[in-house]
Amino acid sequence: MTKILTPEKIIRYAETRLFGDNVRPHNVKVIELHNGVLPSSLEEMLNQRCGGFQRVLQENSREPIYFRDGRLFIPQYSGFGRRKRYESMIKAYLQVIGEDIGFKSCELEGDERKTNIEYDNLAYDFVVGLFVPEDKYEDRRVFDTEIQGVTHVIFGSLDAVAKQADVVERENTPYLGAQLVKIGEELVLNIGYVYADQAGIIIDKMLREYEALARKQNKKLRIGLYMFGRVGGLKDEMKRHQLVSTAGIIDEVDLLQNRHHVYPMHNVLLSSPDRHRGLNLNVTSVIHETVEQLEQAREWGCISIDMETRESVESVNRARRRYEKLDINFGFMGYISDLPLKGDTLADELDSDKGEQAAVAEIVKAVRQG
């Protein structure tokens, strides 16, 4: 099997995410991944046990990463998928560089079960903080503005959406950033970037809240859920920043077992013009991608590859079966960030937000049209 990421690209991919100008690989003796732990909780622990910490100024930042006395501390609170990505990236990186750096993937309070449950609990606290269904949840409230009447939700970069909408209120909770924006006359909830099963868990809980509201009001609610994000392009004629609409998903597990099964994505953005259309391959990590795997996916009709949409689509489709009071419209718009079969990988960052802004524009248009 021919790996998409060469050893040199694995080093570049990992180092932009783990280190920064103030903390370099030679400064680090141990990397600790703390699963089920919020950044705020990890900061409190480091202050109490170590007397402080240094924030790593990552070139490509997602979660904050901390440094103290030769140790990197990474809070990982998003879920199982995010854990797998960190573990596979760090292990591959350490194998390539051959340095004597230790790695620990830590459970919440040393308990595997607590870790697994905490992913769900953190998402629950965030969602009830959005809806505040009872007075007892006031201490978790995210927005001053009530959002029970908000029926359009966009998942994706807050800064990207803010460039094409008027921000009404923005909050950065310990778990996830969110903002309320105006698109035309519509008040829209924008939730920051989510990973794999984290997206599915949040959508599950949000749609449960919406269904309860619909029954309470004794009317059908029309809910618009939209996502935008990076995808790898698999067609030869594709270029970075171009848009991709997908109508179905082939899962990496099925591909590896040679089971040609397509999970439907009822994508309301599929008919938008000037973009590539086809199936999407859902994978758990870019580290393990191979040329042979992606070529087979392309033969099966996949035009793109990503790591987020499968869980979201499953949650939406499940809610469509469960909730007769909800009319759910789901839209996904991808923009090409890499072309792995052409040697253009995620080790090299995009040179602008051109594709991202084009994806946001399509979602803004869909919200305006209702």
Protein backbone atom coordinates (compact mmCIF):
# COMPACT_ATOMS: atom_id res chain seq x y z
CA MET A 1 0.00 0.00 0.00
CA THR A 2 1.24 3.46 -0.94
CA LYS A 3 0.58 6.03 1.80
CA ILE A 4 -0.69 9.42 0.67
CA LEU A 5 1.39 11.23 3.28
CA THR A 6 5.12 10.62 2.86
CA PRO A 7 7.29 10.71 6.00
CA GLU A 8 8.29 14.28 5.18
CA LYS A 9 4.64 15.33 4.83
CA ILE A 10 3.68 13.58 8.07
CA ILE A 11 6.33 15.66 9.85
CA ARG A 12 5.06 18.91 8.31
CA TYR A 13 1.40 18.00 8.91
CA ALA A 14 1.97 17.12 12.57
CA GLU A 15 4.41 19.87 13.53
CA THR A 16 2.13 22.70 12.35
CA ARG A 17 -0.56 21.30 14.65
CA LEU A 18 1.49 20.35 17.71
CA PHE A 19 4.21 22.98 17.94
CA GLY A 20 4.85 26.67 17.41
CA ASP A 21 7.60 29.28 17.36
CA ASN A 22 7.75 29.26 21.16
CA VAL A 23 7.77 25.46 21.59
CA ARG A 24 9.72 23.26 19.19
CA PRO A 25 10.00 19.46 19.00
CA HIS A 26 13.40 19.41 20.69
CA ASN A 27 11.83 21.07 23.75
CA VAL A 28 9.38 18.19 24.27
CA LYS A 29 10.02 14.94 26.12
CA VAL A 30 6.44 13.72 26.59
CA ILE A 31 3.12 14.38 24.83
CA GLU A 32 -0.02 13.90 26.91
CA LEU A 33 -3.45 13.68 25.26
CA HIS A 34 -6.12 14.29 27.91
CA ASN A 35 -9.41 12.84 26.63
CA GLY A 36 -12.77 14.06 27.89
CA VAL A 37 -11.16 17.20 29.37
CA LEU A 38 -12.05 20.78 28.51
CA PRO A 39 -9.25 23.33 28.04
CA SER A 40 -10.51 25.25 31.07
CA SER A 41 -10.31 22.11 33.24
CA LEU A 42 -6.81 21.29 31.99
CA GLU A 43 -5.66 24.85 32.67
CA GLU A 44 -6.98 24.58 36.23
CA MET A 45 -5.17 21.27 36.71
CA LEU A 46 -1.89 22.66 35.38
CA ASN A 47 -2.15 25.72 37.59
CA GLN A 48 -2.78 23.60 40.67
CA ARG A 49 -0.26 20.82 40.00
CA CYS A 50 2.46 22.59 38.05
CA GLY A 51 2.14 26.21 39.06
CA GLY A 52 1.31 27.42 35.57
CA PHE A 53 1.83 26.67 31.88
CA GLN A 54 2.81 28.15 28.54
CA ARG A 55 0.33 28.28 25.65
CA VAL A 56 1.79 26.84 22.43
CA LEU A 57 1.50 29.29 19.55
CA GLN A 58 0.51 26.71 16.93
CA GLU A 59 0.77 27.50 13.25
CA ASN A 60 -2.41 25.50 12.60
CA SER A 61 -4.44 25.68 15.79
CA ARG A 62 -7.59 23.84 16.76
CA GLU A 63 -7.70 22.99 20.46
CA PRO A 64 -5.30 25.00 22.62
CA ILE A 65 -2.13 23.10 23.51
CA TYR A 66 -0.09 23.77 26.64
CA PHE A 67 3.56 23.27 27.58
CA ARG A 68 5.29 22.87 30.91
CA ASP A 69 8.67 21.36 31.86
CA GLY A 70 9.19 19.38 28.66
CA ARG A 71 5.60 18.11 28.42
CA LEU A 72 2.89 18.95 25.90
CA PHE A 73 -0.66 18.82 27.28
CA ILE A 74 -3.55 18.49 24.78
CA PRO A 75 -7.19 18.74 25.92
CA GLN A 76 -9.39 16.56 23.69
CA TYR A 77 -13.07 16.93 24.43
CA SER A 78 -14.71 16.55 21.01
CA GLY A 79 -15.21 12.79 20.88
CA PHE A 80 -14.07 9.40 19.68
CA GLY A 81 -13.18 10.53 16.16
CA ARG A 82 -11.02 13.39 17.34
CA ARG A 83 -9.25 11.05 19.76
CA LYS A 84 -8.43 8.62 16.94
CA ARG A 85 -7.05 11.42 14.77
CA TYR A 86 -4.75 12.71 17.48
CA GLU A 87 -3.53 9.25 18.41
CA SER A 88 -2.84 8.21 14.81
CA MET A 89 -1.13 11.50 13.96
CA ILE A 90 1.10 11.54 17.04
CA LYS A 91 2.08 7.87 16.75
CA ALA A 92 2.90 8.23 13.04
CA TYR A 93 4.89 11.39 13.69
CA LEU A 94 6.94 9.84 16.50
CA GLN A 95 7.63 6.77 14.39
CA VAL A 96 8.93 8.92 11.53
CA ILE A 97 11.16 11.26 13.54
CA GLY A 98 12.63 8.46 15.64
CA GLU A 99 13.04 10.80 18.60
CA ASP A 100 12.77 9.62 22.19
CA ILE A 101 9.49 11.41 22.93
CA GLY A 102 6.96 9.62 25.11
CA PHE A 103 3.24 9.60 24.39
CA LYS A 104 0.33 9.03 26.78
CA SER A 105 -3.36 8.98 25.82
CA CYS A 106 -5.03 9.64 29.17
CA GLU A 107 -8.53 8.80 30.36
CA LEU A 108 -10.69 11.17 32.39
CA GLU A 109 -9.75 10.52 36.03
CA GLY A 110 -8.09 7.32 34.83
CA ASP A 111 -11.46 5.80 33.93
CA GLU A 112 -12.25 4.75 30.34
CA ARG A 113 -15.98 4.72 31.00
CA LYS A 114 -15.95 8.27 32.37
CA THR A 115 -14.12 9.44 29.26
CA ASN A 116 -16.70 7.93 26.92
CA ILE A 117 -19.65 9.33 28.87
CA GLU A 118 -18.09 12.79 29.16
CA TYR A 119 -18.13 13.33 25.39
CA ASP A 120 -21.91 13.01 25.55
CA ASN A 121 -22.25 15.05 28.75
CA LEU A 122 -20.27 17.99 27.38
CA ALA A 123 -22.43 18.12 24.25
CA TYR A 124 -25.57 17.90 26.38
CA ASP A 125 -24.50 20.82 28.57
CA PHE A 126 -23.76 22.90 25.48
CA VAL A 127 -27.11 22.20 23.83
CA VAL A 128 -29.22 22.85 26.93
CA GLY A 129 -27.22 26.05 27.34
CA LEU A 130 -28.41 27.07 23.88
CA PHE A 131 -32.09 26.28 24.45
CA VAL A 132 -32.28 26.75 28.26
CA PRO A 133 -35.49 24.64 28.45
CA GLU A 134 -35.86 25.01 32.23
CA ASP A 135 -34.82 27.58 34.83
CA LYS A 136 -32.34 25.15 36.37
CA TYR A 137 -30.15 25.45 33.25
CA GLU A 138 -29.69 29.23 33.52
CA ASP A 139 -26.10 28.77 34.72
CA ARG A 140 -25.30 27.08 31.40
CA ARG A 141 -26.93 29.72 29.20
CA VAL A 142 -24.90 30.50 26.08
CA PHE A 143 -26.74 33.54 24.70
CA ASP A 144 -28.64 36.41 26.31
CA THR A 145 -30.93 36.22 23.29
CA GLU A 146 -33.58 33.47 23.34
CA ILE A 147 -33.14 31.13 20.38
CA GLN A 148 -36.29 29.01 20.52
CA GLY A 149 -37.50 30.76 17.37
CA VAL A 150 -34.24 30.21 15.50
CA THR A 151 -34.75 27.44 12.95
CA HIS A 152 -31.66 27.81 10.76
CA VAL A 153 -28.34 26.43 12.02
CA ILE A 154 -24.95 26.64 10.30
CA PHE A 155 -22.03 24.46 11.38
CA GLY A 156 -18.67 25.93 10.41
CA SER A 157 -16.08 28.63 11.11
CA LEU A 158 -17.57 31.60 12.97
CA ASP A 159 -15.15 34.04 11.37
CA ALA A 160 -16.02 32.76 7.89
CA VAL A 161 -19.77 33.22 8.44
CA ALA A 162 -19.25 36.64 10.04
CA LYS A 163 -17.80 37.92 6.76
CA GLN A 164 -21.17 37.46 5.06
CA ALA A 165 -23.65 38.02 7.90
CA ASP A 166 -24.28 40.55 10.66
CA VAL A 167 -23.17 39.23 14.04
CA VAL A 168 -25.78 39.81 16.74
CA GLU A 169 -24.06 38.00 19.60
CA ARG A 170 -20.97 35.79 19.87
CA GLU A 171 -20.00 33.55 22.77
CA ASN A 172 -17.00 31.27 23.27
CA THR A 173 -18.03 28.61 25.76
CA PRO A 174 -15.43 26.28 27.29
CA TYR A 175 -16.76 23.60 24.93
CA LEU A 176 -17.44 25.33 21.63
CA GLY A 177 -17.82 28.75 20.07
CA ALA A 178 -21.21 29.92 18.79
CA GLN A 179 -22.80 33.06 17.46
CA LEU A 180 -26.15 34.46 16.39
CA VAL A 181 -26.13 36.23 13.04
CA LYS A 182 -28.64 38.02 10.87
CA ILE A 183 -28.97 36.90 7.25
CA GLY A 184 -31.55 39.18 5.70
CA GLU A 185 -34.34 39.20 8.28
CA GLU A 186 -33.53 35.69 9.51
CA LEU A 187 -31.82 35.12 12.87
CA VAL A 188 -29.42 32.19 12.40
CA LEU A 189 -27.44 30.10 14.88
CA ASN A 190 -23.83 29.47 13.83
CA ILE A 191 -21.93 26.77 15.71
CA GLY A 192 -18.15 26.50 15.30
CA TYR A 193 -16.18 23.69 13.69
CA VAL A 194 -17.16 20.24 14.96
CA TYR A 195 -15.44 16.87 14.54
CA ALA A 196 -16.91 13.54 13.40
CA ASP A 197 -19.14 12.06 16.14
CA GLN A 198 -19.17 15.42 17.96
CA ALA A 199 -21.24 16.79 15.07
CA GLY A 200 -23.64 13.86 15.25
CA ILE A 201 -24.05 14.06 19.04
CA ILE A 202 -24.81 17.79 18.93
CA ILE A 203 -27.31 17.41 16.07
CA ASP A 204 -29.03 14.54 17.91
CA LYS A 205 -29.54 16.69 20.98
CA MET A 206 -30.53 19.85 19.10
CA LEU A 207 -33.18 18.09 17.01
CA ARG A 208 -34.59 16.49 20.15
CA GLU A 209 -35.02 19.99 21.59
CA TYR A 210 -36.63 21.24 18.38
CA GLU A 211 -39.04 18.30 18.34
CA ALA A 212 -40.10 19.04 21.92
CA LEU A 213 -40.70 22.69 20.98
CA ALA A 214 -42.77 21.63 17.97
CA ARG A 215 -44.99 19.39 20.09
CA LYS A 216 -45.32 22.06 22.76
CA GLN A 217 -46.43 24.57 20.12
CA ASN A 218 -48.51 21.90 18.37
CA LYS A 219 -47.16 22.77 14.95
CA LYS A 220 -44.64 21.47 12.47
CA LEU A 221 -41.24 23.18 12.50
CA ARG A 222 -39.12 23.52 9.39
CA ILE A 223 -35.46 23.22 10.41
CA GLY A 224 -32.55 24.13 8.15
CA LEU A 225 -29.21 22.50 9.08
CA TYR A 226 -26.20 23.50 7.01
CA MET A 227 -22.54 22.51 7.14
CA PHE A 228 -19.49 23.66 5.23
CA GLY A 229 -15.95 22.38 5.43
CA ARG A 230 -12.85 21.12 3.73
CA VAL A 231 -12.84 18.08 1.47
CA GLY A 232 -10.13 16.33 -0.48
CA GLY A 233 -10.76 16.23 -4.22
CA LEU A 234 -10.45 12.91 -6.07
CA LYS A 235 -11.13 13.93 -9.69
CA ASP A 236 -8.20 14.77 -11.94
CA GLU A 237 -9.72 18.02 -13.16
CA MET A 238 -10.36 19.40 -9.68
CA LYS A 239 -8.52 22.36 -8.20
CA ARG A 240 -8.18 23.77 -4.70
CA HIS A 241 -11.02 26.07 -3.57
CA GLN A 242 -13.61 24.57 -5.95
CA LEU A 243 -16.95 23.57 -4.47
CA VAL A 244 -18.26 20.05 -4.01
CA SER A 245 -21.84 18.87 -3.41
CA THR A 246 -22.36 15.27 -2.35
CA ALA A 247 -25.50 13.12 -2.48
CA GLY A 248 -24.25 10.07 -0.61
CA ILE A 249 -21.46 8.64 1.49
CA ILE A 250 -19.31 5.53 1.25
CA ASP A 251 -17.74 4.67 4.57
CA GLU A 252 -14.07 3.75 4.89
CA VAL A 253 -14.99 0.58 6.79
CA ASP A 254 -17.20 -0.65 3.94
CA LEU A 255 -14.57 0.25 1.37
CA LEU A 256 -11.86 -1.73 3.18
CA GLN A 257 -14.21 -4.73 3.40
CA ASN A 258 -15.17 -4.37 -0.26
CA ARG A 259 -18.84 -3.74 0.54
CA HIS A 260 -20.26 -1.27 -1.95
CA HIS A 261 -22.86 0.47 0.22
CA VAL A 262 -24.00 4.09 -0.11
CA TYR A 263 -25.47 6.01 2.82
CA PRO A 264 -27.90 8.61 1.43
CA MET A 265 -27.36 12.31 2.00
CA HIS A 266 -30.47 14.33 1.18
CA ASN A 267 -28.46 17.44 0.38
CA VAL A 268 -30.61 20.49 -0.36
CA LEU A 269 -27.55 22.24 -1.81
CA LEU A 270 -27.01 19.55 -4.41
CA SER A 271 -28.73 21.44 -7.21
CA SER A 272 -26.58 24.54 -6.87
CA PRO A 273 -24.70 25.21 -10.13
CA ASP A 274 -20.95 25.44 -10.79
CA ARG A 275 -19.71 22.66 -8.55
CA HIS A 276 -18.65 19.02 -8.63
CA ARG A 277 -21.28 16.42 -7.69
CA GLY A 278 -20.95 12.81 -6.62
CA LEU A 279 -20.35 10.56 -3.62
CA ASN A 280 -18.09 11.28 -0.66
CA LEU A 281 -15.69 8.90 1.09
CA ASN A 282 -15.78 9.21 4.88
CA VAL A 283 -12.49 8.34 6.62
CA THR A 284 -11.32 8.42 10.24
CA SER A 285 -7.88 9.94 9.66
CA VAL A 286 -5.78 11.31 6.81
CA ILE A 287 -2.71 9.59 8.26
CA HIS A 288 -3.78 6.14 7.05
CA GLU A 289 -5.00 7.12 3.57
CA THR A 290 -3.44 5.16 0.71
CA VAL A 291 -3.39 5.69 -3.03
CA GLU A 292 -5.02 2.30 -3.57
CA GLN A 293 -7.85 3.09 -1.16
CA LEU A 294 -8.66 6.43 -2.78
CA GLU A 295 -8.44 5.03 -6.29
CA GLN A 296 -10.96 2.33 -5.36
CA ALA A 297 -13.24 4.96 -3.84
CA ARG A 298 -13.05 6.94 -7.06
CA GLU A 299 -13.99 3.83 -9.06
CA TRP A 300 -17.07 3.51 -6.83
CA GLY A 301 -18.16 7.05 -7.68
CA CYS A 302 -16.53 9.09 -4.90
CA ILE A 303 -15.40 12.53 -5.98
CA SER A 304 -14.32 13.75 -2.54
CA ILE A 305 -13.11 12.65 0.88
CA ASP A 306 -13.82 14.06 4.33
CA MET A 307 -14.10 13.08 8.01
CA GLU A 308 -17.22 14.86 9.30
CA THR A 309 -20.35 14.32 7.22
CA ARG A 310 -21.12 10.64 7.94
CA GLU A 311 -22.05 11.21 11.59
CA SER A 312 -24.06 14.33 10.77
CA VAL A 313 -26.03 12.62 8.02
CA GLU A 314 -26.80 9.64 10.25
CA SER A 315 -28.19 11.95 12.93
CA VAL A 316 -30.32 13.88 10.44
CA ASN A 317 -31.69 10.73 8.80
CA ARG A 318 -32.45 9.20 12.20
CA ALA A 319 -34.33 12.36 13.24
CA ARG A 320 -36.37 12.26 10.03
CA ARG A 321 -37.60 8.81 11.07
CA ARG A 322 -38.25 9.80 14.69
CA TYR A 323 -39.80 13.24 14.63
CA GLU A 324 -42.99 13.73 12.65
CA LYS A 325 -43.27 17.32 13.87
CA LEU A 326 -40.00 18.31 12.17
CA ASP A 327 -39.38 19.04 8.50
CA ILE A 328 -35.56 18.84 8.36
CA ASN A 329 -33.55 20.21 5.46
CA PHE A 330 -29.85 19.35 5.49
CA GLY A 331 -27.26 20.97 3.28
CA PHE A 332 -23.55 20.33 2.99
CA MET A 333 -21.12 22.33 0.88
CA GLY A 334 -17.50 21.28 0.70
CA TYR A 335 -14.57 23.24 -0.66
CA ILE A 336 -11.45 21.51 -1.91
CA SER A 337 -8.46 21.86 0.39
CA ASP A 338 -6.22 19.14 -1.08
CA LEU A 339 -5.88 16.75 -4.03
CA PRO A 340 -4.34 13.65 -2.44
CA LEU A 341 -4.10 11.53 -5.60
CA LYS A 342 -2.08 14.30 -7.25
CA GLY A 343 0.39 14.63 -4.35
CA ASP A 344 -1.24 17.82 -3.08
CA THR A 345 -1.97 17.05 0.58
CA LEU A 346 -3.12 18.66 3.82
CA ALA A 347 0.52 19.05 4.77
CA ASP A 348 0.28 22.28 2.75
CA GLU A 349 -2.28 24.84 3.92
CA LEU A 350 -4.67 26.76 1.67
CA ASP A 351 -3.36 30.08 0.42
CA SER A 352 -6.64 31.94 1.04
CA ASP A 353 -10.24 31.55 2.20
CA LYS A 354 -11.60 31.78 -1.35
CA GLY A 355 -13.19 28.33 -1.31
CA GLU A 356 -14.51 28.70 2.21
CA GLN A 357 -16.20 31.99 1.38
CA ALA A 358 -17.73 30.49 -1.77
CA ALA A 359 -19.20 27.67 0.35
CA VAL A 360 -20.59 30.14 2.90
CA ALA A 361 -22.14 32.17 0.08
CA GLU A 362 -24.13 29.14 -1.10
CA ILE A 363 -25.46 28.55 2.40
CA VAL A 364 -26.34 32.24 2.85
CA LYS A 365 -28.28 32.06 -0.41
CA ALA A 366 -30.16 28.96 0.80
CA VAL A 367 -31.08 30.65 4.10
CA ARG A 368 -32.37 33.74 2.26
CA GLN A 369 -34.53 31.54 0.03
CA GLY A 370 -35.96 29.81 3.11
